[in-house]
Amino acid sequence: MDMENNRLLMQLDKYRREINREVLNPEIPDLALEDLKPMLGMVASARVQYISELLEISKLSGDSLPTPEQIRQLKVCRETYDELVAAANALETVIQRGYLDVKSS
């Protein structure tokens, strides 16, 4: 990659950080670890619901395949879990990149 491409990418990264900080930081209050505990609990609850559903289906199904309704319910659990994990990861990313202010501990 030549020098001009590198300069452009550096500027792009700088603008991305500035714009994300300008947009996100005013909308979300300063965060502390205590503020994140409910979110972490929610993700853990979704995880246990998903895994528990799988184990319950396997117990009921034995050697048979799950019913379409059981699969639908498992899918709902997975979608909930996946969505919460994705959101938690997005929050972690904005913290890592400095888009949000955090409270000092």
N, C-alpha and C. Protein backbone atom coordinates (compact mmCIF):
# COMPACT_ATOMS: atom_id res chain seq x y z
N MET A 1 0.85 -1.18 0.00
CA MET A 1 0.00 0.00 0.00
C MET A 1 0.90 1.24 0.00
N ASP A 2 0.55 2.19 -0.83
CA ASP A 2 1.39 3.38 -0.90
C ASP A 2 1.06 4.38 0.20
N MET A 3 1.88 5.42 0.29
CA MET A 3 1.76 6.42 1.35
C MET A 3 0.43 7.13 1.36
N GLU A 4 -0.08 7.48 0.17
CA GLU A 4 -1.36 8.19 0.09
C GLU A 4 -2.50 7.34 0.64
N ASN A 5 -2.49 6.05 0.34
CA ASN A 5 -3.52 5.15 0.88
C ASN A 5 -3.44 5.10 2.40
N ASN A 6 -2.24 5.01 2.92
CA ASN A 6 -2.05 4.98 4.37
C ASN A 6 -2.55 6.27 5.02
N ARG A 7 -2.25 7.39 4.41
CA ARG A 7 -2.71 8.68 4.95
C ARG A 7 -4.24 8.75 4.95
N LEU A 8 -4.83 8.32 3.83
CA LEU A 8 -6.28 8.32 3.73
C LEU A 8 -6.90 7.43 4.81
N LEU A 9 -6.34 6.25 5.01
CA LEU A 9 -6.88 5.34 6.03
C LEU A 9 -6.71 5.90 7.45
N MET A 10 -5.61 6.59 7.69
CA MET A 10 -5.41 7.21 9.00
C MET A 10 -6.43 8.32 9.22
N GLN A 11 -6.69 9.13 8.21
CA GLN A 11 -7.69 10.19 8.31
C GLN A 11 -9.09 9.60 8.49
N LEU A 12 -9.37 8.54 7.74
CA LEU A 12 -10.66 7.87 7.86
C LEU A 12 -10.88 7.38 9.28
N ASP A 13 -9.87 6.77 9.87
CA ASP A 13 -9.96 6.28 11.24
C ASP A 13 -10.18 7.43 12.22
N LYS A 14 -9.47 8.53 11.99
CA LYS A 14 -9.62 9.71 12.86
C LYS A 14 -11.04 10.26 12.78
N TYR A 15 -11.58 10.40 11.56
CA TYR A 15 -12.94 10.90 11.40
C TYR A 15 -13.97 9.95 12.01
N ARG A 16 -13.74 8.66 11.80
CA ARG A 16 -14.67 7.67 12.37
C ARG A 16 -14.73 7.81 13.89
N ARG A 17 -13.58 7.95 14.52
CA ARG A 17 -13.54 8.11 15.98
C ARG A 17 -14.25 9.40 16.41
N GLU A 18 -13.94 10.49 15.73
CA GLU A 18 -14.55 11.77 16.08
C GLU A 18 -16.07 11.74 15.91
N ILE A 19 -16.52 11.24 14.79
CA ILE A 19 -17.96 11.22 14.51
C ILE A 19 -18.69 10.29 15.47
N ASN A 20 -18.14 9.12 15.70
CA ASN A 20 -18.79 8.19 16.63
C ASN A 20 -18.85 8.78 18.03
N ARG A 21 -17.79 9.40 18.45
CA ARG A 21 -17.78 10.02 19.78
C ARG A 21 -18.81 11.16 19.85
N GLU A 22 -18.85 12.00 18.81
CA GLU A 22 -19.81 13.11 18.79
C GLU A 22 -21.26 12.61 18.82
N VAL A 23 -21.53 11.50 18.19
CA VAL A 23 -22.90 10.99 18.11
C VAL A 23 -23.26 10.17 19.35
N LEU A 24 -22.37 9.29 19.76
CA LEU A 24 -22.69 8.36 20.85
C LEU A 24 -22.57 8.97 22.25
N ASN A 25 -21.48 9.68 22.47
CA ASN A 25 -21.19 10.13 23.84
C ASN A 25 -22.29 10.99 24.46
N PRO A 26 -22.89 11.94 23.73
CA PRO A 26 -23.95 12.74 24.36
C PRO A 26 -25.23 11.94 24.68
N GLU A 27 -25.44 10.84 23.96
CA GLU A 27 -26.67 10.07 24.11
C GLU A 27 -26.62 9.03 25.23
N ILE A 28 -25.44 8.63 25.61
CA ILE A 28 -25.29 7.56 26.60
C ILE A 28 -24.51 8.12 27.78
N PRO A 29 -25.08 8.01 28.99
CA PRO A 29 -24.40 8.56 30.16
C PRO A 29 -23.07 7.83 30.44
N ASP A 30 -22.18 8.51 31.14
CA ASP A 30 -20.91 7.90 31.53
C ASP A 30 -21.19 6.55 32.18
N LEU A 31 -20.41 5.56 31.82
CA LEU A 31 -20.64 4.20 32.30
C LEU A 31 -19.62 3.80 33.36
N ALA A 32 -20.07 3.00 34.29
CA ALA A 32 -19.20 2.37 35.27
C ALA A 32 -19.51 0.87 35.25
N LEU A 33 -18.64 0.10 35.82
CA LEU A 33 -18.83 -1.35 35.84
C LEU A 33 -20.18 -1.71 36.45
N GLU A 34 -20.58 -1.01 37.47
CA GLU A 34 -21.86 -1.28 38.13
C GLU A 34 -23.04 -1.10 37.16
N ASP A 35 -22.91 -0.16 36.24
CA ASP A 35 -23.96 0.07 35.25
C ASP A 35 -24.09 -1.09 34.26
N LEU A 36 -23.02 -1.84 34.09
CA LEU A 36 -23.00 -2.92 33.11
C LEU A 36 -23.45 -4.26 33.67
N LYS A 37 -23.51 -4.38 34.98
CA LYS A 37 -23.89 -5.67 35.58
C LYS A 37 -25.27 -6.15 35.15
N PRO A 38 -26.30 -5.30 35.09
CA PRO A 38 -27.60 -5.81 34.63
C PRO A 38 -27.55 -6.36 33.21
N MET A 39 -26.78 -5.71 32.35
CA MET A 39 -26.64 -6.19 30.98
C MET A 39 -25.95 -7.54 30.95
N LEU A 40 -24.90 -7.70 31.73
CA LEU A 40 -24.20 -8.98 31.79
C LEU A 40 -25.10 -10.08 32.33
N GLY A 41 -25.92 -9.74 33.32
CA GLY A 41 -26.87 -10.71 33.86
C GLY A 41 -27.91 -11.12 32.83
N MET A 42 -28.35 -10.17 32.04
CA MET A 42 -29.35 -10.46 31.01
C MET A 42 -28.77 -11.42 29.96
N VAL A 43 -27.53 -11.19 29.55
CA VAL A 43 -26.88 -12.07 28.58
C VAL A 43 -26.72 -13.47 29.17
N ALA A 44 -26.30 -13.54 30.42
CA ALA A 44 -26.14 -14.84 31.07
C ALA A 44 -27.48 -15.57 31.19
N SER A 45 -28.54 -14.84 31.49
CA SER A 45 -29.88 -15.45 31.58
C SER A 45 -30.33 -15.99 30.22
N ALA A 46 -30.06 -15.25 29.17
CA ALA A 46 -30.41 -15.72 27.83
C ALA A 46 -29.61 -16.95 27.47
N ARG A 47 -28.35 -16.98 27.87
CA ARG A 47 -27.50 -18.14 27.61
C ARG A 47 -28.04 -19.37 28.31
N VAL A 48 -28.40 -19.23 29.57
CA VAL A 48 -28.90 -20.38 30.31
C VAL A 48 -30.25 -20.84 29.76
N GLN A 49 -31.07 -19.91 29.32
CA GLN A 49 -32.36 -20.29 28.72
C GLN A 49 -32.14 -21.10 27.45
N TYR A 50 -31.21 -20.67 26.62
CA TYR A 50 -30.91 -21.35 25.36
C TYR A 50 -30.38 -22.77 25.62
N ILE A 51 -29.41 -22.88 26.50
CA ILE A 51 -28.81 -24.19 26.82
C ILE A 51 -29.83 -25.09 27.51
N SER A 52 -30.59 -24.53 28.43
CA SER A 52 -31.62 -25.31 29.13
C SER A 52 -32.67 -25.85 28.17
N GLU A 53 -33.03 -25.02 27.21
CA GLU A 53 -34.01 -25.45 26.20
C GLU A 53 -33.47 -26.63 25.39
N LEU A 54 -32.22 -26.56 25.02
CA LEU A 54 -31.59 -27.66 24.29
C LEU A 54 -31.60 -28.94 25.11
N LEU A 55 -31.21 -28.83 26.36
CA LEU A 55 -31.17 -30.02 27.23
C LEU A 55 -32.56 -30.59 27.46
N GLU A 56 -33.55 -29.72 27.61
CA GLU A 56 -34.93 -30.19 27.80
C GLU A 56 -35.43 -30.91 26.54
N ILE A 57 -35.14 -30.35 25.39
CA ILE A 57 -35.54 -30.98 24.14
C ILE A 57 -34.88 -32.35 24.01
N SER A 58 -33.61 -32.43 24.32
CA SER A 58 -32.92 -33.71 24.19
C SER A 58 -33.46 -34.74 25.17
N LYS A 59 -33.85 -34.28 26.36
CA LYS A 59 -34.43 -35.20 27.34
C LYS A 59 -35.78 -35.72 26.85
N LEU A 60 -36.60 -34.84 26.29
CA LEU A 60 -37.93 -35.23 25.81
C LEU A 60 -37.87 -36.05 24.52
N SER A 61 -36.90 -35.75 23.67
CA SER A 61 -36.83 -36.39 22.36
C SER A 61 -36.14 -37.74 22.39
N GLY A 62 -35.24 -37.92 23.34
CA GLY A 62 -34.48 -39.17 23.37
C GLY A 62 -33.69 -39.33 22.09
N ASP A 63 -33.89 -40.45 21.41
CA ASP A 63 -33.16 -40.72 20.17
C ASP A 63 -33.86 -40.12 18.95
N SER A 64 -35.03 -39.56 19.13
CA SER A 64 -35.79 -38.99 18.00
C SER A 64 -35.35 -37.56 17.74
N LEU A 65 -35.67 -37.10 16.55
CA LEU A 65 -35.43 -35.70 16.23
C LEU A 65 -36.46 -34.83 16.95
N PRO A 66 -36.07 -33.61 17.27
CA PRO A 66 -37.03 -32.70 17.91
C PRO A 66 -38.20 -32.39 16.97
N THR A 67 -39.31 -32.02 17.55
CA THR A 67 -40.46 -31.63 16.76
C THR A 67 -40.22 -30.24 16.16
N PRO A 68 -40.95 -29.90 15.12
CA PRO A 68 -40.82 -28.55 14.56
C PRO A 68 -41.09 -27.46 15.61
N GLU A 69 -42.04 -27.69 16.50
CA GLU A 69 -42.33 -26.69 17.55
C GLU A 69 -41.15 -26.56 18.51
N GLN A 70 -40.52 -27.67 18.87
CA GLN A 70 -39.35 -27.61 19.74
C GLN A 70 -38.21 -26.83 19.07
N ILE A 71 -38.03 -27.06 17.78
CA ILE A 71 -37.00 -26.33 17.04
C ILE A 71 -37.33 -24.84 16.98
N ARG A 72 -38.59 -24.51 16.78
CA ARG A 72 -39.00 -23.09 16.76
C ARG A 72 -38.67 -22.42 18.11
N GLN A 73 -38.98 -23.12 19.19
CA GLN A 73 -38.71 -22.55 20.51
C GLN A 73 -37.20 -22.41 20.75
N LEU A 74 -36.44 -23.40 20.33
CA LEU A 74 -34.98 -23.32 20.46
C LEU A 74 -34.43 -22.15 19.64
N LYS A 75 -34.99 -21.95 18.47
CA LYS A 75 -34.57 -20.84 17.60
C LYS A 75 -34.86 -19.50 18.26
N VAL A 76 -36.01 -19.37 18.89
CA VAL A 76 -36.34 -18.13 19.61
C VAL A 76 -35.30 -17.88 20.71
N CYS A 77 -34.96 -18.91 21.44
CA CYS A 77 -33.95 -18.77 22.50
C CYS A 77 -32.60 -18.36 21.92
N ARG A 78 -32.22 -18.99 20.82
CA ARG A 78 -30.94 -18.67 20.19
C ARG A 78 -30.93 -17.24 19.67
N GLU A 79 -31.99 -16.83 19.02
CA GLU A 79 -32.05 -15.47 18.48
C GLU A 79 -31.96 -14.43 19.60
N THR A 80 -32.64 -14.70 20.69
CA THR A 80 -32.56 -13.79 21.84
C THR A 80 -31.13 -13.71 22.35
N TYR A 81 -30.54 -14.88 22.56
CA TYR A 81 -29.16 -14.93 23.06
C TYR A 81 -28.21 -14.24 22.08
N ASP A 82 -28.28 -14.59 20.79
CA ASP A 82 -27.38 -14.00 19.80
C ASP A 82 -27.53 -12.48 19.74
N GLU A 83 -28.76 -12.00 19.80
CA GLU A 83 -28.99 -10.55 19.73
C GLU A 83 -28.39 -9.84 20.94
N LEU A 84 -28.56 -10.42 22.11
CA LEU A 84 -28.00 -9.80 23.32
C LEU A 84 -26.48 -9.84 23.31
N VAL A 85 -25.90 -10.93 22.85
CA VAL A 85 -24.44 -11.02 22.75
C VAL A 85 -23.91 -9.98 21.76
N ALA A 86 -24.58 -9.85 20.62
CA ALA A 86 -24.14 -8.86 19.63
C ALA A 86 -24.21 -7.44 20.20
N ALA A 87 -25.26 -7.14 20.92
CA ALA A 87 -25.40 -5.81 21.51
C ALA A 87 -24.34 -5.57 22.58
N ALA A 88 -24.08 -6.57 23.41
CA ALA A 88 -23.05 -6.45 24.45
C ALA A 88 -21.68 -6.26 23.80
N ASN A 89 -21.42 -6.98 22.72
CA ASN A 89 -20.15 -6.81 22.01
C ASN A 89 -20.04 -5.42 21.39
N ALA A 90 -21.14 -4.91 20.87
CA ALA A 90 -21.13 -3.55 20.30
C ALA A 90 -20.82 -2.53 21.39
N LEU A 91 -21.40 -2.71 22.56
CA LEU A 91 -21.12 -1.81 23.68
C LEU A 91 -19.65 -1.89 24.07
N GLU A 92 -19.13 -3.10 24.14
CA GLU A 92 -17.71 -3.27 24.48
C GLU A 92 -16.82 -2.57 23.46
N THR A 93 -17.17 -2.67 22.19
CA THR A 93 -16.39 -2.03 21.13
C THR A 93 -16.38 -0.52 21.29
N VAL A 94 -17.54 0.08 21.56
CA VAL A 94 -17.56 1.55 21.68
C VAL A 94 -16.78 2.01 22.91
N ILE A 95 -16.75 1.19 23.94
CA ILE A 95 -15.93 1.53 25.11
C ILE A 95 -14.45 1.42 24.76
N GLN A 96 -14.07 0.31 24.11
CA GLN A 96 -12.67 0.10 23.73
C GLN A 96 -12.16 1.22 22.83
N ARG A 97 -12.99 1.69 21.93
CA ARG A 97 -12.56 2.70 20.96
C ARG A 97 -12.66 4.12 21.51
N GLY A 98 -13.14 4.26 22.74
CA GLY A 98 -13.17 5.57 23.36
C GLY A 98 -14.31 6.46 22.88
N TYR A 99 -15.36 5.86 22.33
CA TYR A 99 -16.50 6.65 21.87
C TYR A 99 -17.34 7.14 23.04
N LEU A 100 -17.26 6.44 24.16
CA LEU A 100 -18.05 6.78 25.35
C LEU A 100 -17.13 7.12 26.50
N ASP A 101 -17.59 8.02 27.35
CA ASP A 101 -16.87 8.30 28.58
C ASP A 101 -17.23 7.24 29.61
N VAL A 102 -16.27 6.92 30.44
CA VAL A 102 -16.52 5.99 31.53
C VAL A 102 -16.20 6.69 32.85
N LYS A 103 -16.91 6.27 33.88
CA LYS A 103 -16.67 6.85 35.20
C LYS A 103 -15.38 6.26 35.75
N SER A 104 -14.59 7.09 36.40
CA SER A 104 -13.37 6.57 37.02
C SER A 104 -13.75 5.77 38.26
N SER A 105 -12.96 4.74 38.50
CA SER A 105 -13.29 3.86 39.63
C SER A 105 -12.62 4.29 40.90
